[in-house]
Amino acid sequence: MKMTTFQIVFTAMFVIFIGLGVLSFSLYTANNNNIGSVVVWGTADQGKMVNFLNALNQQDRSFQAVSYVQKSESTYTNEVINAMASGIGPDIILISQDQIGIFADKINTIPYNIVPQSSFVSSYVDEARLFLTSQGTLAFPFLIDPLVMYWNRDIFQTAGIAQPPQYWNDVVTQAQKLSLLDPAKNLKRSAIALGGWNNVDHAKEILSMLFIQAGDLLVVRDNSTDLLRSVFGANSPGATENPASSALQFYTEFGNPSKTDYSWNRALPRSQEAFTGGTLAMYLGFASEYADISTRNPNLRFGVATVPQIQSNTTYVTYGALTGLAIPRTSQNQQGALAIAQKMTNQTGIGLAFPIFGGAPVRLDLSVDTTGNAAYATFYQSALIARGWLDPNPTETDDIFSTMVNDVISNKSQAGPAVQDAAHELQTLAPGILQ
């Protein structure tokens, strides 16, 4: 079919508009000393960010004109979009990997002639590749916060178990010893907080990790078009069962009173509260929670381990909360923003950032001595195996996931049909289906 003159002109204008996000940096070099004022927005803690910027300012006076504004997580996305629309938005925004789908057409792509792909890949943890497109990177990797397993030493020793589980089948076996039920089958002590939703901290991230470990990548970026495509719920070639269904079935079994590994229900407190209160043996939480857990209960004897894995897998995986620095197309100081973003994420910047914000270093070329702290060694190792996915709409996918879990727990649906229903919903958000 031949294109009309209007279609040709419209298509050309669209390509030019998209290209502006890449080309706006093409003549700029990061050595420009005229940085000017740079305003950064994000949901990271104000005090921590100020401490970080002050530390950078001690070494680089260009940070004197850099300011930070903390925004509420619940309103952040709308505030940024509205500010961009009004032309008074920030110069740099903090975005997570699950916000890429929302902001991709509103931020500049940093072209590979400024940040070579080979340099990016060799400098940052593998999960950071979620920021890469065919044209460049959408953000500079800033923070990586891997999911780890906190375990109560006293509960384990009382149950006669010396070490935390390495594999998920070990979790099933140990749960029968670690959970404690009264004669009425009420949980007095829980092995692990799985099998629920509203009172399981990071339930979506935990379930995402199980899906990825099982071999379901949920949503991927098409290499030729850069569009997000849903692959959730698809059978792997030669597989005898659907990986996502298997992962969902495993997750929900811990909330089933008829199972021997029954460990959790909706009447219990939130999982981190249960762990710090000494009634939960294993807690799946982020590395950045380490200090908070220690502070909330100084008498709690706990250890940190990498999350359990599928024993038959040769590649280990955990979930990572990845945060990057992106430059809005509406920034009034794009060159200054680029220079500051690069400095915040170079070796010096990341070396100052991760001890302040928690988690682990997002850079691979940063030397970190973990010999004196077993927990930090686990955080560092977990960051190397951290993975994530490109969430097209975090709010809507949270509803999709919660419905999927609750339908199985309430016996409204089996795992297989629940996954297929969720897959259909996810396809409406990322409609470029891979067959």
Foldseek 3Di string as FASTA:
>chain_A
DDDDPVRVVVVVVVVVLQCCLACVCVPFALVDPPLAAFEEEEQADQVLVVVLLVVVCVVPVLSVRYYYDHDDPVCVLVVQVVCLVVLNHGFKYKDWLQCCLVCVSFFGFHFCVHPPPVNLCQWFFPQLCSQAALGHGQFFWFAKWWKWKKFFCVLCVVLVHHDDDQAPVVLQVCLLSRWDADPVRHTQAFAEPFQAAPQEPPNVQQLCQQLVLLPAQQWDADRPPRAIAGPFQPQDVPDPDTSSLVSLQSRNVLCDSVGSSPGDDPVDHRQLVCVLVPRYGMHTDIQLCVVVSCVSHVPGDMDIAGDHHHVPDPADETAMTIMGMTGGPSHPRNSSSVSVRCVCQDQVNQVSNCVSRPAARRTPPHDDDCVVPPSRVRSHVNSNRHHDHHNNDVVVLSVLVNCLSVCCNVVVDRSSVSSVVSSVVSCVSRVPYDD
